[in-house]
Amino acid sequence: MGLRMPGMENLMVMCLVISVRVLCTAAGDGAVRPPAIFVFGDSTLDVGNNNYLTGPDVPRANEPYYGVDFPGSVPTGRFSNGYNIADYLAKNMGFKSSPPAYLSLVRRTGLLVRSASWCRCELCFGRIWDSSIPLNIPLSKQVKNFGATKSQMVAKRGQRAVNHLLSKSVFLFSVGSNDLFVFALSADPEWRPRILQ
């Protein structure tokens, strides 16, 4: 017997649409633009980190027909046929471009001050993913990479300036149902009743 609740999917989709709409409307109505957008999560927000992971089994989105509706019809590493939510949010908040993929900026750290996306395929909570397999970047690694980015920013700009920038920035997280189910089903058996409540 499943834990299915009638209409729950519709309610979740409606909440997501309303949240994105409110953010986009506020951004487009002359509101002060945040200085940066930092994006964490799964493939729904990945803007190309998958292009920089090595290995034959890494899921990639840099082949046709991905990107068919993107300007120039170029596959960019987004798991969509065009822009994704991170792209639309950045555009509606007044940014000229989307937050770049973190792995594309690793050697160009000066650009990290503005915005970046750490997203990659499945989010992979907790200890359930073998980090020696370079298929995904689990949330713990995304946060660790953000910490390294912040340290680089502090070295260039100073603690006070970075704290001010981060306090005014937007942090966007995306968690898919597959991530939640994998986490719940692989958790220690004693935790499962608490997770599935």
C-alpha atoms as a PDB file:
ATOM      1  CA  MET A   1       0.000   0.000   0.000  1.00  0.00           C
ATOM      2  CA  GLY A   2       1.424   3.362  -1.019  1.00  0.00           C
ATOM      3  CA  LEU A   3       1.510   6.680   0.763  1.00  0.00           C
ATOM      4  CA  ARG A   4      -0.318   8.392  -2.083  1.00  0.00           C
ATOM      5  CA  MET A   5      -2.569  11.331  -1.224  1.00  0.00           C
ATOM      6  CA  PRO A   6      -5.125  12.370  -3.860  1.00  0.00           C
ATOM      7  CA  GLY A   7      -4.349  15.739  -5.365  1.00  0.00           C
ATOM      8  CA  MET A   8      -1.019  16.094  -3.562  1.00  0.00           C
ATOM      9  CA  GLU A   9       0.909  16.181  -6.844  1.00  0.00           C
ATOM     10  CA  ASN A  10      -1.384  18.916  -8.160  1.00  0.00           C
ATOM     11  CA  LEU A  11      -0.954  20.904  -4.959  1.00  0.00           C
ATOM     12  CA  MET A  12       2.835  20.637  -5.146  1.00  0.00           C
ATOM     13  CA  VAL A  13       2.908  21.706  -8.797  1.00  0.00           C
ATOM     14  CA  MET A  14       0.585  24.614  -8.032  1.00  0.00           C
ATOM     15  CA  CYS A  15       2.809  25.744  -5.127  1.00  0.00           C
ATOM     16  CA  LEU A  16       5.895  25.583  -7.346  1.00  0.00           C
ATOM     17  CA  VAL A  17       4.236  27.575 -10.129  1.00  0.00           C
ATOM     18  CA  ILE A  18       2.959  30.199  -7.693  1.00  0.00           C
ATOM     19  CA  SER A  19       6.384  30.500  -6.018  1.00  0.00           C
ATOM     20  CA  VAL A  20       8.210  30.958  -9.314  1.00  0.00           C
ATOM     21  CA  ARG A  21       5.559  33.405 -10.522  1.00  0.00           C
ATOM     22  CA  VAL A  22       5.781  35.493  -7.340  1.00  0.00           C
ATOM     23  CA  LEU A  23       9.583  35.608  -7.570  1.00  0.00           C
ATOM     24  CA  CYS A  24       9.503  36.515 -11.255  1.00  0.00           C
ATOM     25  CA  THR A  25       6.786  39.137 -10.805  1.00  0.00           C
ATOM     26  CA  ALA A  26       8.589  40.758  -7.890  1.00  0.00           C
ATOM     27  CA  ALA A  27      11.796  40.788  -9.881  1.00  0.00           C
ATOM     28  CA  GLY A  28      10.119  42.312 -12.909  1.00  0.00           C
ATOM     29  CA  ASP A  29       8.223  45.036 -11.049  1.00  0.00           C
ATOM     30  CA  GLY A  30      11.171  47.306 -10.396  1.00  0.00           C
ATOM     31  CA  ALA A  31      12.277  45.500  -7.266  1.00  0.00           C
ATOM     32  CA  VAL A  32      15.939  45.830  -6.399  1.00  0.00           C
ATOM     33  CA  ARG A  33      17.882  43.156  -8.227  1.00  0.00           C
ATOM     34  CA  PRO A  34      19.827  40.813  -5.961  1.00  0.00           C
ATOM     35  CA  PRO A  35      23.588  40.927  -6.485  1.00  0.00           C
ATOM     36  CA  ALA A  36      23.869  37.179  -7.154  1.00  0.00           C
ATOM     37  CA  ILE A  37      21.986  33.917  -7.565  1.00  0.00           C
ATOM     38  CA  PHE A  38      23.407  30.690  -6.176  1.00  0.00           C
ATOM     39  CA  VAL A  39      21.741  27.494  -7.392  1.00  0.00           C
ATOM     40  CA  PHE A  40      21.859  24.047  -5.765  1.00  0.00           C
ATOM     41  CA  GLY A  41      20.041  20.842  -6.552  1.00  0.00           C
ATOM     42  CA  ASP A  42      19.363  18.312  -9.248  1.00  0.00           C
ATOM     43  CA  SER A  43      19.233  18.140 -13.035  1.00  0.00           C
ATOM     44  CA  THR A  44      16.187  20.405 -13.309  1.00  0.00           C
ATOM     45  CA  LEU A  45      18.484  23.360 -12.599  1.00  0.00           C
ATOM     46  CA  ASP A  46      21.750  22.017 -14.078  1.00  0.00           C
ATOM     47  CA  VAL A  47      23.089  24.531 -16.605  1.00  0.00           C
ATOM     48  CA  GLY A  48      26.001  22.374 -17.727  1.00  0.00           C
ATOM     49  CA  ASN A  49      27.954  20.859 -14.834  1.00  0.00           C
ATOM     50  CA  ASN A  50      27.405  17.430 -16.433  1.00  0.00           C
ATOM     51  CA  ASN A  51      29.665  18.519 -19.309  1.00  0.00           C
ATOM     52  CA  TYR A  52      32.654  18.636 -16.946  1.00  0.00           C
ATOM     53  CA  LEU A  53      32.292  15.264 -15.219  1.00  0.00           C
ATOM     54  CA  THR A  54      34.439  12.423 -16.507  1.00  0.00           C
ATOM     55  CA  GLY A  55      33.523   8.839 -17.213  1.00  0.00           C
ATOM     56  CA  PRO A  56      31.626   6.868 -19.828  1.00  0.00           C
ATOM     57  CA  ASP A  57      28.459   6.439 -17.731  1.00  0.00           C
ATOM     58  CA  VAL A  58      27.897  10.104 -16.835  1.00  0.00           C
ATOM     59  CA  PRO A  59      24.439  11.204 -18.030  1.00  0.00           C
ATOM     60  CA  ARG A  60      24.935  14.145 -20.385  1.00  0.00           C
ATOM     61  CA  ALA A  61      22.662  16.729 -21.937  1.00  0.00           C
ATOM     62  CA  ASN A  62      25.025  18.093 -24.571  1.00  0.00           C
ATOM     63  CA  GLU A  63      23.601  16.153 -27.501  1.00  0.00           C
ATOM     64  CA  PRO A  64      20.647  16.764 -29.814  1.00  0.00           C
ATOM     65  CA  TYR A  65      17.745  17.067 -29.096  1.00  0.00           C
ATOM     66  CA  TYR A  66      18.625  18.780 -25.861  1.00  0.00           C
ATOM     67  CA  GLY A  67      18.773  22.512 -26.503  1.00  0.00           C
ATOM     68  CA  VAL A  68      16.641  22.466 -29.649  1.00  0.00           C
ATOM     69  CA  ASP A  69      14.725  25.538 -28.359  1.00  0.00           C
ATOM     70  CA  PHE A  70      17.804  27.212 -26.860  1.00  0.00           C
ATOM     71  CA  PRO A  71      19.160  30.221 -28.802  1.00  0.00           C
ATOM     72  CA  GLY A  72      21.124  28.798 -31.699  1.00  0.00           C
ATOM     73  CA  SER A  73      19.582  25.349 -31.050  1.00  0.00           C
ATOM     74  CA  VAL A  74      22.767  24.359 -29.244  1.00  0.00           C
ATOM     75  CA  PRO A  75      22.754  21.653 -26.551  1.00  0.00           C
ATOM     76  CA  THR A  76      24.327  23.276 -23.494  1.00  0.00           C
ATOM     77  CA  GLY A  77      24.188  20.614 -20.807  1.00  0.00           C
ATOM     78  CA  ARG A  78      20.691  21.540 -19.639  1.00  0.00           C
ATOM     79  CA  PHE A  79      18.373  18.555 -19.296  1.00  0.00           C
ATOM     80  CA  SER A  80      15.699  20.382 -21.280  1.00  0.00           C
ATOM     81  CA  ASN A  81      15.004  21.501 -24.803  1.00  0.00           C
ATOM     82  CA  GLY A  82      15.760  25.124 -23.907  1.00  0.00           C
ATOM     83  CA  TYR A  83      15.982  27.272 -20.803  1.00  0.00           C
ATOM     84  CA  ASN A  84      15.336  25.826 -17.339  1.00  0.00           C
ATOM     85  CA  ILE A  85      13.902  27.424 -14.184  1.00  0.00           C
ATOM     86  CA  ALA A  86      17.287  28.866 -13.135  1.00  0.00           C
ATOM     87  CA  ASP A  87      17.550  30.573 -16.538  1.00  0.00           C
ATOM     88  CA  TYR A  88      14.060  32.067 -16.362  1.00  0.00           C
ATOM     89  CA  LEU A  89      14.503  33.235 -12.789  1.00  0.00           C
ATOM     90  CA  ALA A  90      17.830  34.923 -13.577  1.00  0.00           C
ATOM     91  CA  LYS A  91      16.361  36.609 -16.649  1.00  0.00           C
ATOM     92  CA  ASN A  92      13.295  37.851 -14.785  1.00  0.00           C
ATOM     93  CA  MET A  93      15.464  39.172 -11.963  1.00  0.00           C
ATOM     94  CA  GLY A  94      17.379  41.334 -14.411  1.00  0.00           C
ATOM     95  CA  PHE A  95      20.542  39.305 -14.943  1.00  0.00           C
ATOM     96  CA  LYS A  96      21.993  39.350 -18.459  1.00  0.00           C
ATOM     97  CA  SER A  97      22.809  35.653 -18.328  1.00  0.00           C
ATOM     98  CA  SER A  98      22.059  32.546 -16.316  1.00  0.00           C
ATOM     99  CA  PRO A  99      24.205  31.492 -13.385  1.00  0.00           C
ATOM    100  CA  PRO A 100      27.130  29.619 -14.990  1.00  0.00           C
ATOM    101  CA  ALA A 101      27.922  26.009 -14.147  1.00  0.00           C
ATOM    102  CA  TYR A 102      30.294  25.909 -11.173  1.00  0.00           C
ATOM    103  CA  LEU A 103      32.570  23.355 -12.833  1.00  0.00           C
ATOM    104  CA  SER A 104      33.048  25.699 -15.798  1.00  0.00           C
ATOM    105  CA  LEU A 105      34.383  28.386 -13.447  1.00  0.00           C
ATOM    106  CA  VAL A 106      36.731  26.391 -11.246  1.00  0.00           C
ATOM    107  CA  ARG A 107      39.815  28.011 -12.809  1.00  0.00           C
ATOM    108  CA  ARG A 108      38.218  31.447 -13.260  1.00  0.00           C
ATOM    109  CA  THR A 109      37.319  32.194  -9.653  1.00  0.00           C
ATOM    110  CA  GLY A 110      36.825  35.931 -10.144  1.00  0.00           C
ATOM    111  CA  LEU A 111      33.551  35.199 -11.909  1.00  0.00           C
ATOM    112  CA  LEU A 112      32.145  33.278  -8.968  1.00  0.00           C
ATOM    113  CA  VAL A 113      31.297  36.440  -7.080  1.00  0.00           C
ATOM    114  CA  ARG A 114      28.276  37.124  -9.282  1.00  0.00           C
ATOM    115  CA  SER A 115      26.427  33.808  -9.512  1.00  0.00           C
ATOM    116  CA  ALA A 116      26.917  30.097 -10.000  1.00  0.00           C
ATOM    117  CA  SER A 117      25.053  26.813 -10.250  1.00  0.00           C
ATOM    118  CA  TRP A 118      26.308  23.736  -8.411  1.00  0.00           C
ATOM    119  CA  CYS A 119      23.464  21.493  -9.643  1.00  0.00           C
ATOM    120  CA  ARG A 120      24.032  18.077 -11.117  1.00  0.00           C
ATOM    121  CA  CYS A 121      21.705  15.205 -11.967  1.00  0.00           C
ATOM    122  CA  GLU A 122      20.301  13.548  -8.834  1.00  0.00           C
ATOM    123  CA  LEU A 123      20.691  15.526  -5.636  1.00  0.00           C
ATOM    124  CA  CYS A 124      21.759  12.529  -3.522  1.00  0.00           C
ATOM    125  CA  PHE A 125      21.198  13.390   0.123  1.00  0.00           C
ATOM    126  CA  GLY A 126      23.268  11.986   2.930  1.00  0.00           C
ATOM    127  CA  ARG A 127      25.618   9.033   2.626  1.00  0.00           C
ATOM    128  CA  ILE A 128      23.621   7.101   0.054  1.00  0.00           C
ATOM    129  CA  TRP A 129      25.849   7.854  -2.919  1.00  0.00           C
ATOM    130  CA  ASP A 130      29.259   6.435  -3.611  1.00  0.00           C
ATOM    131  CA  SER A 131      31.282   9.607  -4.139  1.00  0.00           C
ATOM    132  CA  SER A 132      34.001   7.660  -5.947  1.00  0.00           C
ATOM    133  CA  ILE A 133      31.609   7.316  -8.903  1.00  0.00           C
ATOM    134  CA  PRO A 134      31.649  10.688 -10.710  1.00  0.00           C
ATOM    135  CA  LEU A 135      28.056  10.527 -12.014  1.00  0.00           C
ATOM    136  CA  ASN A 136      26.554  13.097  -9.692  1.00  0.00           C
ATOM    137  CA  ILE A 137      27.474  15.849  -7.290  1.00  0.00           C
ATOM    138  CA  PRO A 138      25.647  15.146  -4.012  1.00  0.00           C
ATOM    139  CA  LEU A 139      24.240  18.051  -2.019  1.00  0.00           C
ATOM    140  CA  SER A 140      26.987  17.662   0.588  1.00  0.00           C
ATOM    141  CA  LYS A 141      29.606  18.171  -2.155  1.00  0.00           C
ATOM    142  CA  GLN A 142      27.672  21.108  -3.657  1.00  0.00           C
ATOM    143  CA  VAL A 143      27.674  22.823  -0.252  1.00  0.00           C
ATOM    144  CA  LYS A 144      31.379  22.021   0.226  1.00  0.00           C
ATOM    145  CA  ASN A 145      32.145  23.534  -3.204  1.00  0.00           C
ATOM    146  CA  PHE A 146      30.132  26.620  -2.266  1.00  0.00           C
ATOM    147  CA  GLY A 147      32.229  26.894   0.920  1.00  0.00           C
ATOM    148  CA  ALA A 148      35.391  26.831  -1.199  1.00  0.00           C
ATOM    149  CA  THR A 149      33.888  29.489  -3.456  1.00  0.00           C
ATOM    150  CA  LYS A 150      33.051  31.659  -0.459  1.00  0.00           C
ATOM    151  CA  SER A 151      36.625  31.332   0.838  1.00  0.00           C
ATOM    152  CA  GLN A 152      37.963  32.487  -2.538  1.00  0.00           C
ATOM    153  CA  MET A 153      35.535  35.402  -2.530  1.00  0.00           C
ATOM    154  CA  VAL A 154      36.602  36.408   0.997  1.00  0.00           C
ATOM    155  CA  ALA A 155      40.268  36.316  -0.057  1.00  0.00           C
ATOM    156  CA  LYS A 156      39.504  38.695  -2.941  1.00  0.00           C
ATOM    157  CA  ARG A 157      36.849  40.964  -1.422  1.00  0.00           C
ATOM    158  CA  GLY A 158      37.050  40.612   2.355  1.00  0.00           C
ATOM    159  CA  GLN A 159      34.692  38.987   4.874  1.00  0.00           C
ATOM    160  CA  ARG A 160      32.430  41.999   5.353  1.00  0.00           C
ATOM    161  CA  ALA A 161      31.801  42.570   1.622  1.00  0.00           C
ATOM    162  CA  VAL A 162      31.126  38.875   1.018  1.00  0.00           C
ATOM    163  CA  ASN A 163      28.747  38.616   3.980  1.00  0.00           C
ATOM    164  CA  HIS A 164      26.847  41.642   2.660  1.00  0.00           C
ATOM    165  CA  LEU A 165      26.702  40.178  -0.864  1.00  0.00           C
ATOM    166  CA  LEU A 166      25.456  36.804   0.384  1.00  0.00           C
ATOM    167  CA  SER A 167      22.848  38.388   2.659  1.00  0.00           C
ATOM    168  CA  LYS A 168      21.280  40.110  -0.370  1.00  0.00           C
ATOM    169  CA  SER A 169      21.613  37.151  -2.776  1.00  0.00           C
ATOM    170  CA  VAL A 170      19.064  34.554  -3.858  1.00  0.00           C
ATOM    171  CA  PHE A 171      19.713  30.895  -3.033  1.00  0.00           C
ATOM    172  CA  LEU A 172      17.664  28.529  -5.181  1.00  0.00           C
ATOM    173  CA  PHE A 173      17.304  24.835  -4.308  1.00  0.00           C
ATOM    174  CA  SER A 174      15.674  22.087  -6.366  1.00  0.00           C
ATOM    175  CA  VAL A 175      14.830  18.680  -4.958  1.00  0.00           C
ATOM    176  CA  GLY A 176      13.085  16.090  -7.114  1.00  0.00           C
ATOM    177  CA  SER A 177      10.758  13.409  -5.837  1.00  0.00           C
ATOM    178  CA  ASN A 178      13.236  10.763  -7.004  1.00  0.00           C
ATOM    179  CA  ASP A 179      15.855  12.266  -4.670  1.00  0.00           C
ATOM    180  CA  LEU A 180      13.473  12.151  -1.715  1.00  0.00           C
ATOM    181  CA  PHE A 181      12.414   8.563  -2.414  1.00  0.00           C
ATOM    182  CA  VAL A 182      15.987   7.311  -2.846  1.00  0.00           C
ATOM    183  CA  PHE A 183      16.913   9.021   0.419  1.00  0.00           C
ATOM    184  CA  ALA A 184      13.897   7.635   2.268  1.00  0.00           C
ATOM    185  CA  LEU A 185      14.307   4.097   0.982  1.00  0.00           C
ATOM    186  CA  SER A 186      18.037   3.911   1.610  1.00  0.00           C
ATOM    187  CA  ALA A 187      17.975   5.456   5.068  1.00  0.00           C
ATOM    188  CA  ASP A 188      18.663   3.394   8.165  1.00  0.00           C
ATOM    189  CA  PRO A 189      15.574   1.252   8.889  1.00  0.00           C
ATOM    190  CA  GLU A 190      15.032   2.941  12.263  1.00  0.00           C
ATOM    191  CA  TRP A 191      14.775   6.353  10.538  1.00  0.00           C
ATOM    192  CA  ARG A 192      12.278   5.357   7.841  1.00  0.00           C
ATOM    193  CA  PRO A 193       9.097   5.889   9.901  1.00  0.00           C
ATOM    194  CA  ARG A 194      10.233   9.429  10.764  1.00  0.00           C
ATOM    195  CA  ILE A 195      11.178  10.267   7.161  1.00  0.00           C
ATOM    196  CA  LEU A 196       7.949   8.966   5.626  1.00  0.00           C
ATOM    197  CA  GLN A 197       5.640  10.878   7.979  1.00  0.00           C
END
